[in-house]
Amino acid sequence: MVGIMRWEELVQQFYTQGMIGLGKLHNPLTGQTQVDLRLAKISIEVLALLEEKTQGNLSETEKRILQDALHVLRVNYALEKERQAQQAAQTSAESGSDSPSSDPSGSPEASSSSESSAEQ
């Protein structure tokens, strides 16, 4: 029973670090939530390495604890990456629509050359 408790604590430590990195839990040092995908990815990689290296040596309970933690972290990591990509695309689209180009392609060269030919 003591071995299971130690295993749970080990998995919980990396799970908690991953969730902090995903901005799902408050950082105990700062008291704030902040997304740090690098930290989350490291936590996922360490737990995946533990899964690989302990294959065949874990009880069903230990295996389930590890698999559940990895599943939750991986799903949340993918969702956060997708959210950031959508946010970047939206920011890019918003900054692109503010440009004063009259050319539908949005090319600044085409816009400036049409302006200079209109001046002549």
N, C-alpha and C. Protein backbone atom coordinates (compact mmCIF):
# COMPACT_ATOMS: atom_id res chain seq x y z
N MET A 1 0.82 -1.19 0.00
CA MET A 1 0.00 0.00 0.00
C MET A 1 0.87 1.26 0.00
N VAL A 2 1.99 1.22 0.67
CA VAL A 2 2.87 2.38 0.72
C VAL A 2 3.42 2.68 -0.68
N GLY A 3 3.75 1.64 -1.45
CA GLY A 3 4.28 1.82 -2.81
C GLY A 3 3.31 2.54 -3.71
N ILE A 4 2.02 2.24 -3.59
CA ILE A 4 1.00 2.90 -4.41
C ILE A 4 0.94 4.38 -4.04
N MET A 5 1.03 4.67 -2.76
CA MET A 5 0.97 6.07 -2.34
C MET A 5 2.15 6.84 -2.88
N ARG A 6 3.30 6.30 -2.87
CA ARG A 6 4.48 6.98 -3.41
C ARG A 6 4.34 7.18 -4.92
N TRP A 7 3.82 6.17 -5.61
CA TRP A 7 3.61 6.30 -7.05
C TRP A 7 2.61 7.42 -7.35
N GLU A 8 1.53 7.44 -6.61
CA GLU A 8 0.52 8.49 -6.79
C GLU A 8 1.14 9.87 -6.60
N GLU A 9 1.97 10.00 -5.59
CA GLU A 9 2.60 11.29 -5.32
C GLU A 9 3.54 11.71 -6.45
N LEU A 10 4.28 10.75 -6.98
CA LEU A 10 5.18 11.05 -8.08
C LEU A 10 4.40 11.52 -9.31
N VAL A 11 3.39 10.76 -9.67
CA VAL A 11 2.56 11.13 -10.83
C VAL A 11 1.88 12.47 -10.56
N GLN A 12 1.35 12.64 -9.36
CA GLN A 12 0.65 13.88 -9.01
C GLN A 12 1.58 15.09 -9.12
N GLN A 13 2.83 14.94 -8.76
CA GLN A 13 3.77 16.05 -8.83
C GLN A 13 3.91 16.55 -10.28
N PHE A 14 4.12 15.64 -11.22
CA PHE A 14 4.27 16.05 -12.62
C PHE A 14 2.93 16.48 -13.22
N TYR A 15 1.86 15.85 -12.79
CA TYR A 15 0.52 16.25 -13.25
C TYR A 15 0.24 17.70 -12.82
N THR A 16 0.53 18.00 -11.58
CA THR A 16 0.29 19.35 -11.06
C THR A 16 1.15 20.37 -11.80
N GLN A 17 2.42 20.06 -12.03
CA GLN A 17 3.28 20.97 -12.78
C GLN A 17 2.73 21.20 -14.19
N GLY A 18 2.24 20.14 -14.81
CA GLY A 18 1.66 20.27 -16.14
C GLY A 18 0.43 21.15 -16.14
N MET A 19 -0.43 20.98 -15.16
CA MET A 19 -1.65 21.79 -15.08
C MET A 19 -1.34 23.25 -14.77
N ILE A 20 -0.29 23.48 -14.00
CA ILE A 20 0.16 24.86 -13.77
C ILE A 20 0.64 25.45 -15.09
N GLY A 21 1.42 24.69 -15.84
CA GLY A 21 1.92 25.15 -17.13
C GLY A 21 0.81 25.41 -18.13
N LEU A 22 -0.29 24.69 -18.02
CA LEU A 22 -1.43 24.89 -18.90
C LEU A 22 -2.34 26.02 -18.43
N GLY A 23 -2.00 26.62 -17.31
CA GLY A 23 -2.81 27.72 -16.78
C GLY A 23 -4.09 27.26 -16.12
N LYS A 24 -4.17 25.98 -15.76
CA LYS A 24 -5.37 25.43 -15.14
C LYS A 24 -5.32 25.51 -13.61
N LEU A 25 -4.11 25.65 -13.07
CA LEU A 25 -3.93 25.78 -11.62
C LEU A 25 -3.07 27.00 -11.33
N HIS A 26 -3.26 27.58 -10.16
CA HIS A 26 -2.44 28.71 -9.74
C HIS A 26 -1.02 28.25 -9.44
N ASN A 27 -0.06 29.04 -9.84
CA ASN A 27 1.33 28.79 -9.48
C ASN A 27 1.47 29.09 -7.99
N PRO A 28 1.90 28.14 -7.18
CA PRO A 28 1.98 28.39 -5.74
C PRO A 28 3.01 29.46 -5.37
N LEU A 29 3.97 29.72 -6.25
CA LEU A 29 4.97 30.76 -5.96
C LEU A 29 4.45 32.16 -6.23
N THR A 30 3.62 32.29 -7.28
CA THR A 30 3.12 33.63 -7.65
C THR A 30 1.67 33.85 -7.27
N GLY A 31 0.93 32.75 -7.07
CA GLY A 31 -0.49 32.87 -6.78
C GLY A 31 -1.33 33.19 -8.01
N GLN A 32 -0.70 33.18 -9.17
CA GLN A 32 -1.39 33.52 -10.42
C GLN A 32 -1.40 32.33 -11.37
N THR A 33 -2.31 32.41 -12.35
CA THR A 33 -2.30 31.41 -13.42
C THR A 33 -1.63 32.03 -14.63
N GLN A 34 -0.82 31.24 -15.29
CA GLN A 34 -0.11 31.70 -16.48
C GLN A 34 0.21 30.48 -17.33
N VAL A 35 -0.02 30.60 -18.63
CA VAL A 35 0.24 29.48 -19.53
C VAL A 35 1.74 29.44 -19.86
N ASP A 36 2.33 28.27 -19.68
CA ASP A 36 3.72 28.01 -20.02
C ASP A 36 3.76 26.63 -20.65
N LEU A 37 3.54 26.59 -21.98
CA LEU A 37 3.45 25.31 -22.66
C LEU A 37 4.73 24.50 -22.58
N ARG A 38 5.86 25.16 -22.44
CA ARG A 38 7.13 24.46 -22.29
C ARG A 38 7.11 23.62 -21.02
N LEU A 39 6.67 24.20 -19.92
CA LEU A 39 6.56 23.47 -18.65
C LEU A 39 5.57 22.31 -18.77
N ALA A 40 4.44 22.56 -19.40
CA ALA A 40 3.44 21.52 -19.57
C ALA A 40 4.00 20.37 -20.41
N LYS A 41 4.70 20.70 -21.49
CA LYS A 41 5.26 19.68 -22.37
C LYS A 41 6.30 18.83 -21.64
N ILE A 42 7.13 19.47 -20.84
CA ILE A 42 8.14 18.73 -20.06
C ILE A 42 7.44 17.74 -19.12
N SER A 43 6.40 18.18 -18.46
CA SER A 43 5.67 17.29 -17.54
C SER A 43 5.08 16.11 -18.28
N ILE A 44 4.51 16.36 -19.45
CA ILE A 44 3.93 15.28 -20.25
C ILE A 44 5.03 14.31 -20.69
N GLU A 45 6.15 14.85 -21.13
CA GLU A 45 7.25 13.99 -21.58
C GLU A 45 7.81 13.13 -20.46
N VAL A 46 7.92 13.68 -19.25
CA VAL A 46 8.43 12.90 -18.12
C VAL A 46 7.46 11.77 -17.78
N LEU A 47 6.16 12.09 -17.75
CA LEU A 47 5.18 11.05 -17.45
C LEU A 47 5.14 9.99 -18.55
N ALA A 48 5.29 10.40 -19.80
CA ALA A 48 5.34 9.43 -20.91
C ALA A 48 6.57 8.54 -20.80
N LEU A 49 7.68 9.12 -20.38
CA LEU A 49 8.89 8.33 -20.18
C LEU A 49 8.70 7.32 -19.05
N LEU A 50 8.06 7.76 -17.98
CA LEU A 50 7.76 6.83 -16.89
C LEU A 50 6.86 5.70 -17.38
N GLU A 51 5.88 6.03 -18.20
CA GLU A 51 4.99 5.00 -18.74
C GLU A 51 5.77 3.98 -19.57
N GLU A 52 6.66 4.49 -20.41
CA GLU A 52 7.47 3.61 -21.26
C GLU A 52 8.40 2.72 -20.43
N LYS A 53 9.08 3.32 -19.49
CA LYS A 53 10.11 2.59 -18.73
C LYS A 53 9.54 1.65 -17.68
N THR A 54 8.30 1.85 -17.28
CA THR A 54 7.70 0.99 -16.26
C THR A 54 6.71 0.00 -16.86
N GLN A 55 6.63 -0.04 -18.20
CA GLN A 55 5.68 -0.93 -18.87
C GLN A 55 5.88 -2.38 -18.39
N GLY A 56 4.78 -2.97 -17.96
CA GLY A 56 4.82 -4.35 -17.48
C GLY A 56 5.20 -4.48 -16.03
N ASN A 57 5.54 -3.39 -15.37
CA ASN A 57 5.97 -3.44 -13.97
C ASN A 57 5.02 -2.73 -13.01
N LEU A 58 3.89 -2.26 -13.51
CA LEU A 58 2.95 -1.52 -12.67
C LEU A 58 1.72 -2.36 -12.38
N SER A 59 1.13 -2.13 -11.23
CA SER A 59 -0.16 -2.74 -10.94
C SER A 59 -1.20 -2.04 -11.82
N GLU A 60 -2.37 -2.63 -11.90
CA GLU A 60 -3.44 -2.01 -12.71
C GLU A 60 -3.79 -0.62 -12.18
N THR A 61 -3.79 -0.46 -10.87
CA THR A 61 -4.10 0.84 -10.26
C THR A 61 -3.03 1.87 -10.61
N GLU A 62 -1.78 1.49 -10.50
CA GLU A 62 -0.68 2.41 -10.83
C GLU A 62 -0.71 2.79 -12.31
N LYS A 63 -0.99 1.81 -13.14
CA LYS A 63 -1.06 2.05 -14.58
C LYS A 63 -2.19 3.02 -14.92
N ARG A 64 -3.35 2.82 -14.29
CA ARG A 64 -4.51 3.67 -14.53
C ARG A 64 -4.25 5.10 -14.07
N ILE A 65 -3.60 5.25 -12.93
CA ILE A 65 -3.27 6.59 -12.42
C ILE A 65 -2.41 7.34 -13.43
N LEU A 66 -1.41 6.68 -13.95
CA LEU A 66 -0.50 7.29 -14.91
C LEU A 66 -1.21 7.60 -16.23
N GLN A 67 -1.97 6.64 -16.73
CA GLN A 67 -2.67 6.84 -18.00
C GLN A 67 -3.70 7.97 -17.90
N ASP A 68 -4.41 8.04 -16.79
CA ASP A 68 -5.40 9.11 -16.60
C ASP A 68 -4.73 10.48 -16.57
N ALA A 69 -3.63 10.58 -15.84
CA ALA A 69 -2.91 11.86 -15.76
C ALA A 69 -2.40 12.27 -17.14
N LEU A 70 -1.81 11.34 -17.87
CA LEU A 70 -1.31 11.63 -19.21
C LEU A 70 -2.44 12.05 -20.15
N HIS A 71 -3.55 11.36 -20.07
CA HIS A 71 -4.68 11.68 -20.95
C HIS A 71 -5.18 13.11 -20.71
N VAL A 72 -5.38 13.45 -19.46
CA VAL A 72 -5.88 14.80 -19.13
C VAL A 72 -4.89 15.87 -19.58
N LEU A 73 -3.60 15.65 -19.33
CA LEU A 73 -2.59 16.63 -19.73
C LEU A 73 -2.51 16.76 -21.25
N ARG A 74 -2.53 15.65 -21.95
CA ARG A 74 -2.42 15.69 -23.42
C ARG A 74 -3.62 16.38 -24.05
N VAL A 75 -4.82 16.09 -23.57
CA VAL A 75 -6.01 16.73 -24.11
C VAL A 75 -5.97 18.23 -23.86
N ASN A 76 -5.65 18.62 -22.64
CA ASN A 76 -5.59 20.05 -22.32
C ASN A 76 -4.48 20.76 -23.06
N TYR A 77 -3.36 20.09 -23.27
CA TYR A 77 -2.24 20.66 -24.03
C TYR A 77 -2.70 20.92 -25.47
N ALA A 78 -3.34 19.94 -26.08
CA ALA A 78 -3.82 20.09 -27.46
C ALA A 78 -4.84 21.22 -27.56
N LEU A 79 -5.75 21.31 -26.61
CA LEU A 79 -6.74 22.38 -26.60
C LEU A 79 -6.09 23.76 -26.46
N GLU A 80 -5.09 23.85 -25.60
CA GLU A 80 -4.40 25.12 -25.40
C GLU A 80 -3.62 25.53 -26.65
N LYS A 81 -2.95 24.57 -27.29
CA LYS A 81 -2.23 24.86 -28.54
C LYS A 81 -3.21 25.36 -29.60
N GLU A 82 -4.36 24.71 -29.69
CA GLU A 82 -5.38 25.12 -30.66
C GLU A 82 -5.90 26.52 -30.34
N ARG A 83 -6.14 26.79 -29.07
CA ARG A 83 -6.63 28.11 -28.65
C ARG A 83 -5.62 29.19 -29.01
N GLN A 84 -4.34 28.91 -28.77
CA GLN A 84 -3.30 29.88 -29.10
C GLN A 84 -3.19 30.09 -30.60
N ALA A 85 -3.33 29.03 -31.38
CA ALA A 85 -3.27 29.16 -32.84
C ALA A 85 -4.44 29.99 -33.35
N GLN A 86 -5.62 29.76 -32.82
CA GLN A 86 -6.79 30.54 -33.21
C GLN A 86 -6.63 32.00 -32.82
N GLN A 87 -6.09 32.23 -31.66
CA GLN A 87 -5.87 33.60 -31.19
C GLN A 87 -4.85 34.30 -32.08
N ALA A 88 -3.78 33.60 -32.46
CA ALA A 88 -2.77 34.18 -33.34
C ALA A 88 -3.36 34.48 -34.70
N ALA A 89 -4.18 33.58 -35.23
CA ALA A 89 -4.80 33.79 -36.53
C ALA A 89 -5.76 34.98 -36.48
N GLN A 90 -6.49 35.10 -35.39
CA GLN A 90 -7.42 36.21 -35.24
C GLN A 90 -6.67 37.53 -35.15
N THR A 91 -5.59 37.54 -34.38
CA THR A 91 -4.76 38.75 -34.25
C THR A 91 -4.17 39.13 -35.60
N SER A 92 -3.70 38.13 -36.34
CA SER A 92 -3.12 38.37 -37.65
C SER A 92 -4.16 38.92 -38.61
N ALA A 93 -5.36 38.36 -38.57
CA ALA A 93 -6.44 38.82 -39.45
C ALA A 93 -6.84 40.24 -39.10
N GLU A 94 -6.90 40.55 -37.82
CA GLU A 94 -7.28 41.89 -37.39
C GLU A 94 -6.23 42.91 -37.79
N SER A 95 -4.97 42.57 -37.66
CA SER A 95 -3.91 43.51 -38.04
C SER A 95 -3.83 43.65 -39.55
N GLY A 96 -4.17 42.62 -40.29
CA GLY A 96 -4.17 42.69 -41.75
C GLY A 96 -5.31 43.52 -42.28
N SER A 97 -6.46 43.55 -41.62
CA SER A 97 -7.61 44.31 -42.09
C SER A 97 -7.46 45.79 -41.81
N ASP A 98 -6.50 46.18 -40.98
CA ASP A 98 -6.27 47.59 -40.67
C ASP A 98 -5.38 48.27 -41.69
N SER A 99 -4.75 47.51 -42.62
CA SER A 99 -3.84 48.12 -43.57
C SER A 99 -4.62 48.89 -44.62
N PRO A 100 -4.11 50.06 -45.05
CA PRO A 100 -4.84 50.93 -45.97
C PRO A 100 -4.64 50.56 -47.44
N SER A 101 -4.45 49.31 -47.74
CA SER A 101 -4.23 48.88 -49.11
C SER A 101 -5.54 48.86 -49.88
N SER A 102 -5.53 49.39 -51.11
CA SER A 102 -6.73 49.36 -51.94
C SER A 102 -6.74 48.14 -52.83
N ASP A 103 -5.61 47.44 -52.91
CA ASP A 103 -5.49 46.24 -53.72
C ASP A 103 -6.14 45.08 -52.98
N PRO A 104 -7.04 44.32 -53.60
CA PRO A 104 -7.68 43.20 -52.90
C PRO A 104 -6.71 42.11 -52.47
N SER A 105 -5.55 42.02 -53.12
CA SER A 105 -4.59 41.00 -52.70
C SER A 105 -3.88 41.40 -51.41
N GLY A 106 -3.99 42.68 -51.05
CA GLY A 106 -3.34 43.15 -49.83
C GLY A 106 -1.87 43.44 -50.02
N SER A 107 -1.40 43.37 -51.26
CA SER A 107 0.02 43.59 -51.54
C SER A 107 0.35 45.07 -51.48
N PRO A 108 1.28 45.48 -50.62
CA PRO A 108 1.63 46.90 -50.53
C PRO A 108 2.28 47.40 -51.82
N GLU A 109 2.99 46.53 -52.52
CA GLU A 109 3.65 46.95 -53.76
C GLU A 109 2.61 47.31 -54.81
N ALA A 110 1.57 46.51 -54.93
CA ALA A 110 0.53 46.77 -55.92
C ALA A 110 -0.18 48.07 -55.60
N SER A 111 -0.42 48.32 -54.35
CA SER A 111 -1.10 49.54 -53.94
C SER A 111 -0.26 50.77 -54.24
N SER A 112 1.03 50.73 -53.92
CA SER A 112 1.88 51.89 -54.14
C SER A 112 2.13 52.12 -55.62
N SER A 113 2.20 51.08 -56.43
CA SER A 113 2.44 51.27 -57.86
C SER A 113 1.19 51.83 -58.52
N SER A 114 0.01 51.48 -58.10
CA SER A 114 -1.21 52.04 -58.69
C SER A 114 -1.37 53.48 -58.30
N GLU A 115 -0.90 53.84 -57.06
CA GLU A 115 -0.95 55.23 -56.64
C GLU A 115 0.00 56.08 -57.46
N SER A 116 1.21 55.59 -57.72
CA SER A 116 2.20 56.37 -58.47
C SER A 116 1.79 56.51 -59.93
N SER A 117 1.13 55.52 -60.53
CA SER A 117 0.71 55.64 -61.90
C SER A 117 -0.49 56.57 -61.99
N ALA A 118 -1.30 56.67 -60.95
CA ALA A 118 -2.42 57.59 -60.95
C ALA A 118 -1.92 59.02 -60.82
N GLU A 119 -0.79 59.24 -60.17
CA GLU A 119 -0.23 60.58 -60.01
C GLU A 119 0.35 61.09 -61.31
N GLN A 120 0.81 60.22 -62.21
CA GLN A 120 1.44 60.64 -63.46
C GLN A 120 0.40 60.98 -64.42
